[in-house]
């Protein structure tokens, strides 16, 4: 954890406005249709649009949109070892013996993710009081995490899950039919058992409210 990044209570914190000049592109699955772009929470998405929409009738089976979660409430979370924003190796086992909040988010420097990170930052003292650690995970590399943490003075650990292996191991569901990495938060107790799973792509800040409620009841 980069302690040098911890904000003081008296210092003014940077505004939580993502300023990415070129929105991050999330490619759609390979398909025979033309691609058009749409915006969702400031993210540039590639959505499949058929060349002749008027003659196209979508057919979506239930099995194509349901994702079976590999991590459930009451289960022990799968272990992982990833690089943090300083390039240091961090394992989940490092946090054993204290509650830990693990939140998966789509990407650094995007509006929803920036609001969420800053909300965790602004409530960080409450998490500390509850004895909990906060860990954010996305597919960005360590260099991106370092710049993101420095710009918004994030006092907690950000881990780089390039290739999304941990995201897949945990069964974090994607949004918009797989075009957008999901936003899901887990609260683990001191024994590593999952006590809360919260998913809300549209209201990033609510992840903080829900996790604090749970932590205060442990």
C-alpha atoms as a PDB file:
ATOM      1  CA  UNK A   1       0.000   0.000   0.000  1.00  0.00           C
ATOM      2  CA  UNK A   2       1.402   3.342  -0.938  1.00  0.00           C
ATOM      3  CA  UNK A   3       1.225   5.246   2.342  1.00  0.00           C
ATOM      4  CA  UNK A   4       2.734   8.325   0.723  1.00  0.00           C
ATOM      5  CA  UNK A   5      -0.484   8.775  -1.222  1.00  0.00           C
ATOM      6  CA  UNK A   6      -2.717   9.008   1.853  1.00  0.00           C
ATOM      7  CA  UNK A   7      -4.489  12.389   1.977  1.00  0.00           C
ATOM      8  CA  UNK A   8      -4.510  14.443   5.141  1.00  0.00           C
ATOM      9  CA  UNK A   9      -7.859  15.505   6.529  1.00  0.00           C
ATOM     10  CA  UNK A  10      -6.955  19.177   6.256  1.00  0.00           C
ATOM     11  CA  UNK A  11      -5.646  19.099   2.705  1.00  0.00           C
ATOM     12  CA  UNK A  12      -7.991  19.892  -0.148  1.00  0.00           C
ATOM     13  CA  UNK A  13      -8.561  16.859  -2.305  1.00  0.00           C
ATOM     14  CA  UNK A  14      -8.631  16.948  -6.121  1.00  0.00           C
ATOM     15  CA  UNK A  15     -11.985  17.118  -7.872  1.00  0.00           C
ATOM     16  CA  UNK A  16     -13.216  13.738  -9.025  1.00  0.00           C
ATOM     17  CA  UNK A  17     -13.649  14.486 -12.702  1.00  0.00           C
ATOM     18  CA  UNK A  18     -12.154  12.055 -15.190  1.00  0.00           C
ATOM     19  CA  UNK A  19     -10.234  13.901 -17.876  1.00  0.00           C
ATOM     20  CA  UNK A  20      -9.283  11.109 -20.243  1.00  0.00           C
ATOM     21  CA  UNK A  21      -8.969  12.696 -23.664  1.00  0.00           C
ATOM     22  CA  UNK A  22      -9.615   9.456 -25.548  1.00  0.00           C
ATOM     23  CA  UNK A  23     -12.234   7.282 -23.835  1.00  0.00           C
ATOM     24  CA  UNK A  24     -11.176   3.685 -23.310  1.00  0.00           C
ATOM     25  CA  UNK A  25     -12.465   1.302 -25.921  1.00  0.00           C
ATOM     26  CA  UNK A  26     -14.114  -1.928 -24.946  1.00  0.00           C
ATOM     27  CA  UNK A  27     -14.319  -4.086 -28.080  1.00  0.00           C
ATOM     28  CA  UNK A  28     -17.387  -6.207 -28.619  1.00  0.00           C
ATOM     29  CA  UNK A  29     -17.209  -9.913 -29.243  1.00  0.00           C
ATOM     30  CA  UNK A  30     -16.282 -10.992 -32.750  1.00  0.00           C
ATOM     31  CA  UNK A  31     -19.355 -10.815 -34.941  1.00  0.00           C
ATOM     32  CA  UNK A  32     -20.287 -10.420 -38.598  1.00  0.00           C
ATOM     33  CA  UNK A  33     -22.020  -7.094 -38.098  1.00  0.00           C
ATOM     34  CA  UNK A  34     -20.821  -3.565 -38.501  1.00  0.00           C
ATOM     35  CA  UNK A  35     -19.668  -1.784 -35.387  1.00  0.00           C
ATOM     36  CA  UNK A  36     -21.009   1.520 -34.118  1.00  0.00           C
ATOM     37  CA  UNK A  37     -20.064   3.392 -30.988  1.00  0.00           C
ATOM     38  CA  UNK A  38     -22.136   4.365 -27.989  1.00  0.00           C
ATOM     39  CA  UNK A  39     -21.307   6.098 -24.715  1.00  0.00           C
ATOM     40  CA  UNK A  40     -22.019   4.694 -21.275  1.00  0.00           C
ATOM     41  CA  UNK A  41     -20.750   6.540 -18.178  1.00  0.00           C
ATOM     42  CA  UNK A  42     -18.192   8.208 -20.426  1.00  0.00           C
ATOM     43  CA  UNK A  43     -16.876   4.914 -21.777  1.00  0.00           C
ATOM     44  CA  UNK A  44     -16.574   4.337 -25.477  1.00  0.00           C
ATOM     45  CA  UNK A  45     -18.217   1.061 -26.329  1.00  0.00           C
ATOM     46  CA  UNK A  46     -18.324  -0.983 -29.483  1.00  0.00           C
ATOM     47  CA  UNK A  47     -21.779  -2.422 -29.989  1.00  0.00           C
ATOM     48  CA  UNK A  48     -22.845  -4.837 -32.672  1.00  0.00           C
ATOM     49  CA  UNK A  49     -25.272  -3.288 -35.174  1.00  0.00           C
ATOM     50  CA  UNK A  50     -26.363  -5.296 -38.204  1.00  0.00           C
ATOM     51  CA  UNK A  51     -25.852  -3.701 -41.628  1.00  0.00           C
ATOM     52  CA  UNK A  52     -29.549  -4.116 -42.321  1.00  0.00           C
ATOM     53  CA  UNK A  53     -31.237  -3.479 -38.992  1.00  0.00           C
ATOM     54  CA  UNK A  54     -34.758  -3.463 -40.404  1.00  0.00           C
ATOM     55  CA  UNK A  55     -34.442  -7.092 -41.434  1.00  0.00           C
ATOM     56  CA  UNK A  56     -32.755  -8.183 -38.218  1.00  0.00           C
ATOM     57  CA  UNK A  57     -34.688  -9.699 -35.334  1.00  0.00           C
ATOM     58  CA  UNK A  58     -32.447 -10.266 -32.295  1.00  0.00           C
ATOM     59  CA  UNK A  59     -32.682 -13.597 -30.596  1.00  0.00           C
ATOM     60  CA  UNK A  60     -31.179 -13.762 -27.122  1.00  0.00           C
ATOM     61  CA  UNK A  61     -31.352 -16.940 -25.113  1.00  0.00           C
ATOM     62  CA  UNK A  62     -31.356 -16.837 -21.324  1.00  0.00           C
ATOM     63  CA  UNK A  63     -28.156 -18.837 -21.205  1.00  0.00           C
ATOM     64  CA  UNK A  64     -26.323 -16.205 -23.232  1.00  0.00           C
ATOM     65  CA  UNK A  65     -26.787 -13.460 -20.630  1.00  0.00           C
ATOM     66  CA  UNK A  66     -26.683 -15.287 -17.297  1.00  0.00           C
ATOM     67  CA  UNK A  67     -23.262 -15.483 -15.675  1.00  0.00           C
ATOM     68  CA  UNK A  68     -22.773 -18.079 -12.974  1.00  0.00           C
ATOM     69  CA  UNK A  69     -20.924 -16.442 -10.113  1.00  0.00           C
ATOM     70  CA  UNK A  70     -17.986 -18.477  -8.855  1.00  0.00           C
ATOM     71  CA  UNK A  71     -17.882 -16.516  -5.611  1.00  0.00           C
ATOM     72  CA  UNK A  72     -21.010 -16.564  -3.471  1.00  0.00           C
ATOM     73  CA  UNK A  73     -21.940 -15.231  -0.067  1.00  0.00           C
ATOM     74  CA  UNK A  74     -20.596 -17.570   2.596  1.00  0.00           C
ATOM     75  CA  UNK A  75     -17.833 -18.968   0.398  1.00  0.00           C
ATOM     76  CA  UNK A  76     -14.096 -18.441   0.814  1.00  0.00           C
ATOM     77  CA  UNK A  77     -12.826 -16.039  -1.835  1.00  0.00           C
ATOM     78  CA  UNK A  78     -10.258 -17.442  -4.308  1.00  0.00           C
ATOM     79  CA  UNK A  79      -6.693 -16.374  -3.631  1.00  0.00           C
ATOM     80  CA  UNK A  80      -4.796 -14.140  -6.029  1.00  0.00           C
ATOM     81  CA  UNK A  81      -1.419 -12.484  -6.437  1.00  0.00           C
ATOM     82  CA  UNK A  82      -1.216  -9.285  -8.497  1.00  0.00           C
ATOM     83  CA  UNK A  83       0.954  -6.194  -8.933  1.00  0.00           C
ATOM     84  CA  UNK A  84      -0.081  -2.981  -7.191  1.00  0.00           C
ATOM     85  CA  UNK A  85       0.331   0.605  -8.409  1.00  0.00           C
ATOM     86  CA  UNK A  86       3.954   0.589  -7.261  1.00  0.00           C
ATOM     87  CA  UNK A  87       4.777  -2.642  -9.078  1.00  0.00           C
ATOM     88  CA  UNK A  88       4.888  -4.622  -5.821  1.00  0.00           C
ATOM     89  CA  UNK A  89       3.392  -8.097  -5.573  1.00  0.00           C
ATOM     90  CA  UNK A  90       0.304  -8.290  -3.363  1.00  0.00           C
ATOM     91  CA  UNK A  91      -1.569 -11.464  -2.380  1.00  0.00           C
ATOM     92  CA  UNK A  92      -5.050 -11.671  -0.918  1.00  0.00           C
ATOM     93  CA  UNK A  93      -3.594 -13.676   1.974  1.00  0.00           C
ATOM     94  CA  UNK A  94      -1.774 -10.496   3.047  1.00  0.00           C
ATOM     95  CA  UNK A  95      -5.062  -9.168   4.393  1.00  0.00           C
ATOM     96  CA  UNK A  96      -6.102 -12.249   6.332  1.00  0.00           C
ATOM     97  CA  UNK A  97      -7.055 -11.467   9.916  1.00  0.00           C
ATOM     98  CA  UNK A  98      -8.916  -8.270   9.052  1.00  0.00           C
ATOM     99  CA  UNK A  99     -11.952  -7.421   6.915  1.00  0.00           C
ATOM    100  CA  UNK A 100     -11.188  -6.473   3.324  1.00  0.00           C
ATOM    101  CA  UNK A 101     -13.250  -4.757   0.651  1.00  0.00           C
ATOM    102  CA  UNK A 102     -12.353  -5.952  -2.844  1.00  0.00           C
ATOM    103  CA  UNK A 103     -13.986  -3.920  -5.570  1.00  0.00           C
ATOM    104  CA  UNK A 104     -13.737  -4.685  -9.284  1.00  0.00           C
ATOM    105  CA  UNK A 105     -14.247  -1.711 -11.603  1.00  0.00           C
ATOM    106  CA  UNK A 106     -14.106  -1.204 -15.398  1.00  0.00           C
ATOM    107  CA  UNK A 107     -11.160   1.189 -15.845  1.00  0.00           C
ATOM    108  CA  UNK A 108      -9.057   4.042 -14.472  1.00  0.00           C
ATOM    109  CA  UNK A 109      -9.903   7.618 -15.440  1.00  0.00           C
ATOM    110  CA  UNK A 110     -13.489   7.042 -16.511  1.00  0.00           C
ATOM    111  CA  UNK A 111     -16.320   9.055 -14.930  1.00  0.00           C
ATOM    112  CA  UNK A 112     -18.109   6.303 -12.988  1.00  0.00           C
ATOM    113  CA  UNK A 113     -14.899   4.658 -11.812  1.00  0.00           C
ATOM    114  CA  UNK A 114     -13.379   7.976 -10.768  1.00  0.00           C
ATOM    115  CA  UNK A 115     -16.472   8.851  -8.712  1.00  0.00           C
ATOM    116  CA  UNK A 116     -16.348   5.442  -7.061  1.00  0.00           C
ATOM    117  CA  UNK A 117     -12.636   5.646  -6.261  1.00  0.00           C
ATOM    118  CA  UNK A 118     -13.014   9.133  -4.813  1.00  0.00           C
ATOM    119  CA  UNK A 119     -15.996   8.009  -2.732  1.00  0.00           C
ATOM    120  CA  UNK A 120     -13.853   5.239  -1.242  1.00  0.00           C
ATOM    121  CA  UNK A 121     -11.120   7.834  -0.673  1.00  0.00           C
ATOM    122  CA  UNK A 122     -13.465  10.274   1.061  1.00  0.00           C
ATOM    123  CA  UNK A 123     -14.769   7.519   3.375  1.00  0.00           C
ATOM    124  CA  UNK A 124     -11.370   5.929   3.924  1.00  0.00           C
ATOM    125  CA  UNK A 125     -11.165   6.943   7.575  1.00  0.00           C
ATOM    126  CA  UNK A 126     -14.485   5.146   8.194  1.00  0.00           C
ATOM    127  CA  UNK A 127     -13.086   1.989   6.618  1.00  0.00           C
ATOM    128  CA  UNK A 128      -9.973   2.290   8.782  1.00  0.00           C
ATOM    129  CA  UNK A 129     -12.123   2.730  11.868  1.00  0.00           C
ATOM    130  CA  UNK A 130     -13.914  -0.496  10.941  1.00  0.00           C
ATOM    131  CA  UNK A 131     -10.503  -2.166  10.670  1.00  0.00           C
ATOM    132  CA  UNK A 132     -10.980  -2.861   6.972  1.00  0.00           C
ATOM    133  CA  UNK A 133      -8.644  -2.661   4.001  1.00  0.00           C
ATOM    134  CA  UNK A 134      -9.827  -1.434   0.578  1.00  0.00           C
ATOM    135  CA  UNK A 135      -8.499  -2.972  -2.627  1.00  0.00           C
ATOM    136  CA  UNK A 136      -9.519  -1.910  -6.144  1.00  0.00           C
ATOM    137  CA  UNK A 137      -8.974  -4.224  -9.129  1.00  0.00           C
ATOM    138  CA  UNK A 138      -9.205  -3.512 -12.866  1.00  0.00           C
ATOM    139  CA  UNK A 139      -7.477  -4.635 -16.060  1.00  0.00           C
ATOM    140  CA  UNK A 140      -5.312  -1.494 -16.220  1.00  0.00           C
ATOM    141  CA  UNK A 141      -1.555  -1.869 -15.872  1.00  0.00           C
ATOM    142  CA  UNK A 142       0.454  -0.715 -12.847  1.00  0.00           C
ATOM    143  CA  UNK A 143       1.553   2.497 -14.562  1.00  0.00           C
ATOM    144  CA  UNK A 144      -2.062   3.518 -15.191  1.00  0.00           C
ATOM    145  CA  UNK A 145      -2.968   2.703 -11.571  1.00  0.00           C
ATOM    146  CA  UNK A 146      -0.067   4.754 -10.262  1.00  0.00           C
ATOM    147  CA  UNK A 147      -1.084   7.824 -12.272  1.00  0.00           C
ATOM    148  CA  UNK A 148      -4.739   7.371 -11.251  1.00  0.00           C
ATOM    149  CA  UNK A 149      -3.891   7.009  -7.548  1.00  0.00           C
ATOM    150  CA  UNK A 150      -1.526   9.983  -7.615  1.00  0.00           C
ATOM    151  CA  UNK A 151      -3.921  12.289  -9.461  1.00  0.00           C
ATOM    152  CA  UNK A 152      -6.825  11.659  -7.077  1.00  0.00           C
ATOM    153  CA  UNK A 153      -4.691  10.945  -3.996  1.00  0.00           C
ATOM    154  CA  UNK A 154      -6.157   7.517  -3.439  1.00  0.00           C
ATOM    155  CA  UNK A 155      -4.886   6.076  -0.132  1.00  0.00           C
ATOM    156  CA  UNK A 156      -5.662   2.434  -0.884  1.00  0.00           C
ATOM    157  CA  UNK A 157      -4.244  -0.368  -2.999  1.00  0.00           C
ATOM    158  CA  UNK A 158      -5.030  -0.714  -6.711  1.00  0.00           C
ATOM    159  CA  UNK A 159      -4.200  -4.042  -8.339  1.00  0.00           C
ATOM    160  CA  UNK A 160      -3.548  -4.780 -11.989  1.00  0.00           C
ATOM    161  CA  UNK A 161      -5.509  -7.739 -13.355  1.00  0.00           C
ATOM    162  CA  UNK A 162      -4.247  -7.632 -16.943  1.00  0.00           C
ATOM    163  CA  UNK A 163      -6.005 -10.318 -18.915  1.00  0.00           C
ATOM    164  CA  UNK A 164      -8.837 -10.283 -16.343  1.00  0.00           C
ATOM    165  CA  UNK A 165      -7.845 -13.668 -14.928  1.00  0.00           C
ATOM    166  CA  UNK A 166      -8.882 -12.827 -11.347  1.00  0.00           C
ATOM    167  CA  UNK A 167     -12.106 -11.236 -12.587  1.00  0.00           C
ATOM    168  CA  UNK A 168     -12.907 -14.516 -14.348  1.00  0.00           C
ATOM    169  CA  UNK A 169     -11.855 -16.631 -11.358  1.00  0.00           C
ATOM    170  CA  UNK A 170     -14.215 -14.681  -9.137  1.00  0.00           C
ATOM    171  CA  UNK A 171     -17.006 -14.816 -11.725  1.00  0.00           C
ATOM    172  CA  UNK A 172     -17.552 -11.053 -11.909  1.00  0.00           C
ATOM    173  CA  UNK A 173     -20.392 -10.563 -14.416  1.00  0.00           C
ATOM    174  CA  UNK A 174     -19.992  -8.208 -17.370  1.00  0.00           C
ATOM    175  CA  UNK A 175     -22.557  -5.599 -18.346  1.00  0.00           C
ATOM    176  CA  UNK A 176     -24.174  -4.704 -21.663  1.00  0.00           C
ATOM    177  CA  UNK A 177     -23.971  -8.264 -23.004  1.00  0.00           C
ATOM    178  CA  UNK A 178     -20.258  -8.558 -22.323  1.00  0.00           C
ATOM    179  CA  UNK A 179     -19.125  -5.238 -23.776  1.00  0.00           C
ATOM    180  CA  UNK A 180     -18.319  -3.607 -20.413  1.00  0.00           C
ATOM    181  CA  UNK A 181     -16.375  -5.078 -17.474  1.00  0.00           C
ATOM    182  CA  UNK A 182     -18.681  -5.332 -14.465  1.00  0.00           C
ATOM    183  CA  UNK A 183     -18.584  -3.185 -11.330  1.00  0.00           C
ATOM    184  CA  UNK A 184     -18.855  -5.520  -8.359  1.00  0.00           C
ATOM    185  CA  UNK A 185     -17.810  -5.200  -4.720  1.00  0.00           C
ATOM    186  CA  UNK A 186     -17.096  -7.959  -2.205  1.00  0.00           C
ATOM    187  CA  UNK A 187     -16.730  -7.668   1.551  1.00  0.00           C
ATOM    188  CA  UNK A 188     -14.641 -10.413   3.153  1.00  0.00           C
ATOM    189  CA  UNK A 189     -14.520 -10.969   6.889  1.00  0.00           C
ATOM    190  CA  UNK A 190     -11.283 -11.563   8.803  1.00  0.00           C
ATOM    191  CA  UNK A 191     -11.371 -15.241   7.815  1.00  0.00           C
ATOM    192  CA  UNK A 192     -11.645 -14.496   4.111  1.00  0.00           C
ATOM    193  CA  UNK A 193     -15.307 -15.519   3.934  1.00  0.00           C
ATOM    194  CA  UNK A 194     -17.500 -13.439   1.621  1.00  0.00           C
ATOM    195  CA  UNK A 195     -20.179 -11.587   3.604  1.00  0.00           C
ATOM    196  CA  UNK A 196     -21.488  -9.251   0.897  1.00  0.00           C
ATOM    197  CA  UNK A 197     -21.596  -9.109  -2.899  1.00  0.00           C
ATOM    198  CA  UNK A 198     -22.870  -5.838  -4.340  1.00  0.00           C
ATOM    199  CA  UNK A 199     -23.300  -5.007  -8.032  1.00  0.00           C
ATOM    200  CA  UNK A 200     -24.398  -1.600  -9.302  1.00  0.00           C
ATOM    201  CA  UNK A 201     -22.972  -0.216 -12.556  1.00  0.00           C
ATOM    202  CA  UNK A 202     -25.191   2.860 -12.610  1.00  0.00           C
ATOM    203  CA  UNK A 203     -24.610   4.237  -9.088  1.00  0.00           C
ATOM    204  CA  UNK A 204     -20.898   3.768  -8.328  1.00  0.00           C
ATOM    205  CA  UNK A 205     -21.009   5.626  -5.020  1.00  0.00           C
ATOM    206  CA  UNK A 206     -23.618   3.290  -3.548  1.00  0.00           C
ATOM    207  CA  UNK A 207     -20.933   0.599  -3.295  1.00  0.00           C
ATOM    208  CA  UNK A 208     -19.392   2.592  -0.451  1.00  0.00           C
ATOM    209  CA  UNK A 209     -22.681   2.958   1.456  1.00  0.00           C
ATOM    210  CA  UNK A 210     -23.482  -0.739   1.219  1.00  0.00           C
ATOM    211  CA  UNK A 211     -20.019  -1.921   2.242  1.00  0.00           C
ATOM    212  CA  UNK A 212     -19.864   0.403   5.253  1.00  0.00           C
ATOM    213  CA  UNK A 213     -23.263  -0.810   6.444  1.00  0.00           C
ATOM    214  CA  UNK A 214     -22.056  -4.390   6.357  1.00  0.00           C
ATOM    215  CA  UNK A 215     -18.690  -3.654   7.976  1.00  0.00           C
ATOM    216  CA  UNK A 216     -20.338  -1.817  10.854  1.00  0.00           C
ATOM    217  CA  UNK A 217     -22.442  -4.900  11.547  1.00  0.00           C
ATOM    218  CA  UNK A 218     -19.526  -7.364  11.671  1.00  0.00           C
END
